[in-house]
N, C-alpha and C. Protein backbone atom coordinates (compact mmCIF):
# COMPACT_ATOMS: atom_id res chain seq x y z
N MET A 1 18.57 -17.35 -2.98
CA MET A 1 17.11 -16.82 -2.04
C MET A 1 18.35 -15.59 -1.57
N LYS A 2 19.53 -15.07 -1.51
CA LYS A 2 19.67 -13.97 -1.08
C LYS A 2 19.30 -13.37 -2.31
N LEU A 3 18.89 -13.86 -3.34
CA LEU A 3 18.21 -12.32 -4.43
C LEU A 3 16.54 -12.37 -4.47
N THR A 4 16.20 -13.15 -3.89
CA THR A 4 14.38 -13.12 -3.48
C THR A 4 14.33 -11.71 -2.45
N ARG A 5 15.33 -12.75 -1.05
CA ARG A 5 15.48 -11.42 -0.24
C ARG A 5 15.33 -9.98 -0.82
N ALA A 6 16.63 -9.69 -1.31
CA ALA A 6 16.45 -8.26 -1.79
C ALA A 6 15.89 -7.92 -2.62
N VAL A 7 14.57 -8.25 -3.36
CA VAL A 7 13.62 -8.15 -3.81
C VAL A 7 12.72 -8.57 -3.47
N ALA A 8 12.17 -8.89 -2.06
CA ALA A 8 11.46 -8.77 -1.25
C ALA A 8 12.00 -7.36 -0.09
N LYS A 9 12.91 -7.35 0.00
CA LYS A 9 12.81 -6.31 1.13
C LYS A 9 12.52 -4.79 0.06
N SER A 10 13.62 -4.92 -0.54
CA SER A 10 13.44 -3.95 -1.50
C SER A 10 12.29 -3.31 -1.90
N ALA A 11 11.22 -3.95 -2.02
CA ALA A 11 9.58 -4.19 -2.07
C ALA A 11 9.29 -3.64 -1.18
N TYR A 12 9.40 -4.25 -0.07
CA TYR A 12 8.83 -3.57 1.60
C TYR A 12 9.27 -1.93 1.71
N VAL A 13 10.81 -1.76 1.00
CA VAL A 13 10.85 0.07 1.56
C VAL A 13 10.40 1.05 0.17
N VAL A 14 9.50 0.18 -1.00
CA VAL A 14 9.02 0.74 -1.66
C VAL A 14 7.42 1.19 -1.20
N LEU A 15 6.82 -0.31 0.09
CA LEU A 15 5.81 0.32 -0.11
C LEU A 15 6.01 0.69 1.37
N GLY A 16 6.53 0.58 2.29
CA GLY A 16 6.33 1.60 3.32
C GLY A 16 6.56 2.71 3.68
N THR A 17 7.46 3.16 2.64
CA THR A 17 7.44 3.95 1.58
C THR A 17 6.37 5.51 1.68
N VAL A 18 5.85 4.97 0.81
CA VAL A 18 4.92 5.46 -0.25
C VAL A 18 3.26 5.47 1.18
N PHE A 19 3.29 4.33 1.79
CA PHE A 19 2.23 4.34 3.04
C PHE A 19 3.00 5.41 4.21
N LEU A 20 3.98 5.93 4.20
CA LEU A 20 3.63 6.41 5.60
C LEU A 20 3.83 7.87 4.67
N ALA A 21 4.52 8.17 3.04
CA ALA A 21 4.16 9.10 3.27
C ALA A 21 2.80 10.00 2.77
N ALA A 22 1.88 8.86 1.98
CA ALA A 22 0.91 9.29 2.09
C ALA A 22 -0.35 9.45 3.02
N GLY A 23 0.81 8.73 4.60
CA GLY A 23 -0.90 8.78 6.07
C GLY A 23 0.29 9.70 6.54
N ALA A 24 0.43 10.25 6.04
CA ALA A 24 1.22 11.57 6.50
C ALA A 24 0.46 13.24 5.79
N SER A 25 0.61 12.04 4.42
CA SER A 25 -0.15 13.70 4.17
C SER A 25 -1.30 14.01 4.05
N LEU A 26 -2.07 13.01 4.29
CA LEU A 26 -3.59 13.19 4.47
C LEU A 26 -3.74 13.58 6.55
N LEU A 27 -2.66 13.08 6.49
CA LEU A 27 -3.38 13.35 8.64
C LEU A 27 -3.08 15.04 8.72
N LEU A 28 -2.10 15.70 7.98
CA LEU A 28 -0.84 16.72 7.98
C LEU A 28 -2.30 17.50 6.95
N VAL A 29 -2.95 17.89 6.30
CA VAL A 29 -4.39 18.00 6.21
C VAL A 29 -4.18 19.58 6.13
N ASN A 30 -4.58 20.03 7.73
CA ASN A 30 -4.97 20.84 8.35
C ASN A 30 -4.14 21.68 9.03
N SER A 31 -2.61 21.09 9.35
CA SER A 31 -1.40 21.14 9.55
C SER A 31 -0.72 22.68 9.81
N GLY A 32 -1.23 22.98 8.47
CA GLY A 32 -0.02 24.09 8.40
C GLY A 32 1.11 23.79 7.52
N LEU A 33 1.26 22.39 8.23
CA LEU A 33 3.55 21.66 7.69
C LEU A 33 3.16 21.40 5.89
N LEU A 34 1.97 20.49 5.49
CA LEU A 34 1.79 20.25 3.79
C LEU A 34 1.91 21.40 3.57
N PRO A 35 2.95 20.90 1.77
CA PRO A 35 2.58 21.71 1.00
C PRO A 35 2.01 22.49 -0.04
N GLY A 36 1.44 22.92 0.30
CA GLY A 36 -0.05 23.48 -0.30
C GLY A 36 -0.46 22.93 -1.27
N MET A 37 -0.02 22.89 -2.48
CA MET A 37 -0.34 22.07 -3.89
C MET A 37 -0.84 20.75 -3.28
N LEU A 38 0.24 19.61 -2.58
CA LEU A 38 -0.74 18.54 -2.40
C LEU A 38 -1.79 18.94 -1.27
N ARG A 39 -1.84 19.85 -0.84
CA ARG A 39 -3.52 20.30 0.70
C ARG A 39 -4.08 20.14 -0.68
N GLU A 40 -4.19 21.18 -1.12
CA GLU A 40 -4.66 21.09 -2.94
C GLU A 40 -5.26 19.89 -3.24
N VAL A 41 -4.66 19.50 -4.00
CA VAL A 41 -5.15 17.52 -4.56
C VAL A 41 -5.26 16.24 -3.30
N ILE A 42 -5.36 16.68 -2.06
CA ILE A 42 -6.15 16.45 -1.12
C ILE A 42 -6.73 16.65 -1.26
N ILE A 43 -7.40 17.80 -1.12
CA ILE A 43 -8.79 18.76 -0.81
C ILE A 43 -9.57 18.27 -2.08
N GLU A 44 -9.02 18.99 -2.81
CA GLU A 44 -10.17 18.16 -4.30
C GLU A 44 -10.48 16.93 -4.01
N GLU A 45 -9.54 16.30 -3.46
CA GLU A 45 -10.06 14.72 -4.10
C GLU A 45 -11.27 14.03 -2.88
N SER A 46 -11.47 15.47 -1.98
CA SER A 46 -12.65 14.71 -1.29
C SER A 46 -14.13 16.10 -1.22
N ARG A 47 -13.92 16.89 -2.20
CA ARG A 47 -14.60 16.99 -3.10
C ARG A 47 -15.04 19.04 -1.85
N GLY A 48 -14.31 18.51 -1.03
CA GLY A 48 -13.87 19.89 -0.73
C GLY A 48 -15.10 19.75 0.95
N ASP A 49 -15.28 18.20 0.53
CA ASP A 49 -17.04 17.60 1.56
C ASP A 49 -16.24 17.33 3.06
N LEU A 50 -16.20 17.92 4.11
CA LEU A 50 -15.24 17.28 5.21
C LEU A 50 -15.96 16.80 6.04
N ASN A 51 -16.87 15.24 6.20
CA ASN A 51 -16.92 14.27 6.31
C ASN A 51 -15.79 13.16 5.20
N THR A 52 -15.99 13.48 3.96
CA THR A 52 -14.67 12.84 3.33
C THR A 52 -13.65 13.14 3.51
N LEU A 53 -13.30 13.82 4.19
CA LEU A 53 -11.63 14.34 4.57
C LEU A 53 -11.35 13.98 5.66
N HIS A 54 -12.64 14.09 6.72
CA HIS A 54 -12.06 13.17 8.06
C HIS A 54 -11.67 11.90 7.85
N ILE A 55 -13.11 11.31 6.93
CA ILE A 55 -12.51 9.95 6.60
C ILE A 55 -11.41 9.33 5.86
N MET A 56 -10.55 10.39 5.44
CA MET A 56 -8.89 10.29 4.54
C MET A 56 -8.31 10.41 5.42
N GLN A 57 -8.45 11.21 6.41
CA GLN A 57 -7.70 11.32 7.65
C GLN A 57 -7.67 10.62 8.49
N GLU A 58 -8.95 9.16 8.89
CA GLU A 58 -8.67 8.15 9.74
C GLU A 58 -8.31 7.11 8.78
N PHE A 59 -8.45 7.25 6.85
CA PHE A 59 -7.70 6.02 6.47
C PHE A 59 -7.01 6.55 6.49
N GLY A 60 -6.02 7.94 6.44
CA GLY A 60 -4.21 8.31 6.18
C GLY A 60 -3.79 7.46 7.66
N SER A 61 -4.20 7.04 8.97
CA SER A 61 -4.14 6.40 9.95
C SER A 61 -4.01 5.08 9.98
N LEU A 62 -4.99 4.13 9.14
CA LEU A 62 -4.20 2.75 8.48
C LEU A 62 -2.79 3.41 7.76
N LEU A 63 -2.74 3.88 7.07
CA LEU A 63 -1.38 4.21 6.02
C LEU A 63 -0.30 3.43 6.72
N VAL A 64 -0.32 5.11 7.94
CA VAL A 64 0.14 5.24 8.93
C VAL A 64 0.83 3.97 8.96
N PHE A 65 0.23 3.44 10.01
CA PHE A 65 0.16 1.86 10.58
C PHE A 65 0.88 0.69 9.84
N ALA A 66 -0.04 1.14 8.54
CA ALA A 66 1.06 -0.03 7.67
C ALA A 66 2.43 -0.35 7.39
N GLY A 67 3.09 1.51 7.30
CA GLY A 67 4.02 1.70 6.42
C GLY A 67 4.57 1.23 8.21
N LEU A 68 4.20 1.63 9.54
CA LEU A 68 4.86 1.06 10.20
C LEU A 68 5.55 -0.70 10.01
N ILE A 69 4.17 -1.04 9.82
CA ILE A 69 4.10 -2.83 10.70
C ILE A 69 5.28 -3.41 8.80
N THR A 70 5.19 -2.83 8.22
CA THR A 70 6.00 -2.71 6.81
C THR A 70 7.55 -3.13 7.55
N PHE A 71 7.99 -1.20 8.11
CA PHE A 71 9.27 -1.86 8.10
C PHE A 71 10.09 -2.31 9.19
N TRP A 72 8.59 -2.80 10.37
CA TRP A 72 9.14 -3.40 11.29
C TRP A 72 9.15 -5.64 10.54
N PHE A 73 8.45 -5.06 9.15
CA PHE A 73 8.73 -6.33 8.55
C PHE A 73 10.64 -6.74 7.93
N LEU A 74 10.39 -5.44 7.39
CA LEU A 74 11.76 -5.85 6.69
C LEU A 74 12.56 -5.54 7.55
N TRP A 75 12.94 -5.08 9.09
CA TRP A 75 14.10 -5.45 10.03
C TRP A 75 13.49 -6.64 10.63
N HIS A 76 12.93 -6.97 10.67
CA HIS A 76 12.34 -8.84 10.91
C HIS A 76 11.52 -9.60 9.39
N TYR A 77 12.08 -9.74 8.74
CA TYR A 77 12.71 -11.16 7.40
C TYR A 77 12.60 -11.75 7.75
N GLU A 78 12.60 -12.94 8.25
CA GLU A 78 12.52 -14.10 8.43
C GLU A 78 10.54 -14.24 9.18
N GLN A 79 10.38 -12.61 9.82
CA GLN A 79 9.77 -13.78 10.45
C GLN A 79 8.39 -12.92 9.23
N SER A 80 8.62 -12.52 7.89
CA SER A 80 7.76 -11.83 7.70
C SER A 80 6.77 -12.66 6.66
N ARG A 81 6.85 -13.93 5.77
CA ARG A 81 6.38 -14.65 5.37
C ARG A 81 4.73 -14.62 5.31
N PRO A 82 3.98 -14.55 6.79
CA PRO A 82 2.61 -14.37 7.16
C PRO A 82 1.53 -13.28 6.75
N PHE A 83 2.84 -12.18 6.95
CA PHE A 83 2.38 -11.35 6.82
C PHE A 83 2.36 -10.20 5.49
N HIS A 84 3.85 -10.90 4.28
CA HIS A 84 3.73 -11.17 2.94
C HIS A 84 2.35 -11.76 2.45
N TRP A 85 2.01 -12.29 1.90
CA TRP A 85 0.48 -13.47 1.75
C TRP A 85 -0.32 -11.91 2.97
N ALA A 86 -0.27 -11.91 3.91
CA ALA A 86 -1.85 -10.75 3.71
C ALA A 86 -1.27 -9.32 3.32
N MET A 87 -0.05 -9.15 3.91
CA MET A 87 -0.48 -7.33 2.60
C MET A 87 -0.75 -8.16 1.25
N THR A 88 -0.41 -9.07 0.68
CA THR A 88 -1.46 -10.10 -0.89
C THR A 88 -1.95 -8.97 -0.58
N VAL A 89 -3.24 -10.07 0.18
CA VAL A 89 -4.46 -10.25 -0.10
C VAL A 89 -4.56 -8.98 0.31
N PHE A 90 -4.96 -8.63 1.46
CA PHE A 90 -4.46 -7.20 1.36
C PHE A 90 -4.94 -6.20 0.06
N TRP A 91 -3.53 -5.98 -0.72
CA TRP A 91 -3.84 -5.52 -2.60
C TRP A 91 -5.02 -6.10 -3.08
N GLY A 92 -5.06 -7.42 -2.34
CA GLY A 92 -6.24 -8.04 -3.62
C GLY A 92 -7.35 -7.15 -3.41
N LEU A 93 -7.56 -7.21 -2.61
CA LEU A 93 -8.79 -6.98 -2.15
C LEU A 93 -9.74 -5.55 -2.47
N PHE A 94 -8.20 -4.55 -2.31
CA PHE A 94 -8.15 -3.42 -2.73
C PHE A 94 -8.12 -2.70 -4.01
N ALA A 95 -7.89 -3.43 -4.77
CA ALA A 95 -7.58 -3.84 -6.89
C ALA A 95 -9.58 -3.98 -6.13
N MET A 96 -9.75 -5.30 -6.54
CA MET A 96 -10.91 -5.54 -6.19
C MET A 96 -11.83 -5.16 -6.05
N ALA A 97 -11.59 -3.89 -5.19
CA ALA A 97 -12.79 -2.70 -4.86
C ALA A 97 -13.07 -2.08 -6.19
N HIS A 98 -11.84 -1.62 -6.64
CA HIS A 98 -11.91 -1.07 -7.63
C HIS A 98 -12.09 -1.21 -9.08
N TRP A 99 -11.73 -1.96 -9.24
CA TRP A 99 -12.59 -2.97 -10.63
C TRP A 99 -13.87 -3.70 -9.65
N PHE A 100 -14.50 -3.18 -9.32
CA PHE A 100 -15.81 -3.86 -9.29
C PHE A 100 -16.31 -2.69 -8.12
N ASP A 101 -16.88 -1.30 -8.50
CA ASP A 101 -16.57 -0.69 -7.74
C ASP A 101 -17.95 -0.12 -8.04
N VAL A 102 -18.32 1.28 -6.57
CA VAL A 102 -19.61 1.02 -6.80
C VAL A 102 -20.11 2.63 -7.20
N ARG A 103 -19.78 2.81 -7.61
CA ARG A 103 -19.99 4.06 -8.79
C ARG A 103 -20.73 3.16 -9.95
N GLY A 104 -20.07 3.03 -10.59
CA GLY A 104 -20.60 2.60 -11.59
C GLY A 104 -19.00 2.55 -12.30
N PRO A 105 -19.31 2.10 -13.94
CA PRO A 105 -18.19 1.78 -14.47
C PRO A 105 -17.36 3.37 -14.93
N PHE A 106 -15.35 3.01 -14.80
CA PHE A 106 -14.65 3.59 -14.22
C PHE A 106 -15.23 4.41 -16.13
N PRO A 107 -14.54 5.26 -16.25
CA PRO A 107 -14.16 6.45 -17.38
C PRO A 107 -12.48 5.84 -17.77
N SER A 108 -11.71 4.72 -16.99
CA SER A 108 -10.67 4.76 -18.38
C SER A 108 -10.38 3.45 -16.19
N VAL A 109 -9.28 2.67 -17.45
CA VAL A 109 -8.81 1.25 -16.48
C VAL A 109 -7.99 1.91 -15.34
N GLY A 110 -6.96 2.85 -15.26
CA GLY A 110 -5.58 3.26 -15.30
C GLY A 110 -5.60 3.60 -13.63
N GLY A 111 -7.24 3.57 -12.66
CA GLY A 111 -6.99 3.78 -11.66
C GLY A 111 -7.13 2.18 -11.75
N PRO A 112 -7.93 0.97 -11.49
CA PRO A 112 -7.85 -0.41 -11.48
C PRO A 112 -6.89 -0.97 -12.06
N LEU A 113 -5.67 -0.96 -12.72
CA LEU A 113 -4.24 -1.26 -13.33
C LEU A 113 -3.82 -0.62 -12.08
N LEU A 114 -3.76 0.52 -11.74
CA LEU A 114 -2.04 0.90 -10.56
C LEU A 114 -2.99 0.05 -9.21
N THR A 115 -3.73 0.35 -8.63
CA THR A 115 -4.20 -0.50 -7.91
C THR A 115 -3.93 -2.11 -8.39
N THR A 116 -3.92 -2.84 -9.12
CA THR A 116 -3.76 -4.01 -8.88
C THR A 116 -1.89 -4.59 -8.91
N VAL A 117 -1.55 -3.45 -9.84
CA VAL A 117 0.41 -4.08 -9.75
C VAL A 117 1.23 -4.39 -8.03
N PRO A 118 0.54 -3.49 -7.35
CA PRO A 118 1.21 -3.44 -6.23
C PRO A 118 0.46 -5.50 -5.54
N PHE A 119 -0.34 -5.93 -5.88
CA PHE A 119 -0.75 -6.59 -6.07
C PHE A 119 -0.14 -8.01 -6.81
N ILE A 120 -0.04 -8.03 -7.34
CA ILE A 120 0.21 -8.64 -8.56
C ILE A 120 2.35 -8.68 -8.31
N LEU A 121 2.84 -8.07 -8.49
CA LEU A 121 4.21 -7.82 -7.50
C LEU A 121 4.26 -8.51 -6.62
N LEU A 122 3.41 -7.88 -4.90
CA LEU A 122 3.44 -9.16 -3.97
C LEU A 122 2.84 -10.34 -4.41
N LEU A 123 2.44 -10.88 -5.02
CA LEU A 123 1.70 -12.43 -5.71
C LEU A 123 3.11 -12.59 -6.52
N LEU A 124 3.70 -11.90 -6.98
CA LEU A 124 4.83 -13.06 -7.73
C LEU A 124 6.08 -13.25 -6.80
N ILE A 125 5.88 -11.21 -6.22
CA ILE A 125 7.79 -11.47 -5.02
C ILE A 125 6.72 -13.75 -3.91
N GLY A 126 5.79 -13.57 -3.61
CA GLY A 126 5.58 -14.57 -2.87
C GLY A 126 5.33 -15.91 -3.30
N LEU A 127 5.08 -16.23 -4.65
CA LEU A 127 5.18 -17.13 -4.74
C LEU A 127 6.61 -17.87 -5.06
N LEU A 128 7.90 -16.44 -5.74
CA LEU A 128 9.18 -16.53 -5.79
C LEU A 128 9.95 -17.01 -4.19
N ARG A 129 9.29 -16.14 -3.46
CA ARG A 129 10.29 -16.54 -1.85
C ARG A 129 9.76 -18.22 -1.39
N THR A 130 8.06 -18.70 -2.03
CA THR A 130 7.64 -19.66 -1.70
C THR A 130 8.71 -20.84 -1.86
N ARG A 131 8.66 -20.35 -3.19
CA ARG A 131 9.60 -21.65 -4.27
C ARG A 131 11.45 -21.52 -4.32
N THR A 132 11.75 -20.66 -3.50
CA THR A 132 12.50 -20.55 -3.46
C THR A 132 13.78 -20.33 -1.32
N GLU A 133 13.06 -19.10 -1.24
CA GLU A 133 12.90 -20.22 0.53
C GLU A 133 12.72 -21.18 1.17
N THR A 134 11.70 -21.71 0.58
CA THR A 134 11.33 -23.23 0.98
C THR A 134 12.29 -24.63 0.66
N SER A 135 12.43 -23.75 -0.21
CA SER A 135 13.26 -24.75 -1.35
C SER A 135 14.45 -25.36 -1.03
N SER A 136 14.95 -24.01 0.13
CA SER A 136 16.24 -23.35 0.73
C SER A 136 16.66 -25.03 1.86
N VAL A 137 15.42 -24.24 2.60
CA VAL A 137 15.66 -25.29 3.44
C VAL A 137 15.19 -26.67 4.09
N ALA A 138 14.56 -27.48 2.44
CA ALA A 138 14.75 -28.55 2.74
C ALA A 138 15.90 -29.48 2.39
């Protein structure tokens, strides 16, 4: 059970950090605080379309929220099981949106595979938690 807890908490640290860093980067695009190279990558991803960039910044605010709530459950681990399954479903849906992209076939499976990794990781950790944390209570 201690190993399961350590693995789950480590995943929360990594995910929370990635969410906060990505969200903050998107929100800081026009602030002058973001390194130029990172700013250019974000602007290039938006194809220079300010409406797209605005939507990306709105998504950034959601990423900041996801990072903060992930850290909250890191510190309140005993209450984190429903959160864990909710994040697993979120990543499953996020991956599905990349596998069945409305823009048509993708030139590489790299992107969809990359978005599938957090889903698989959270699914495996969730199953491990269910097995070890439930059996230790009974």
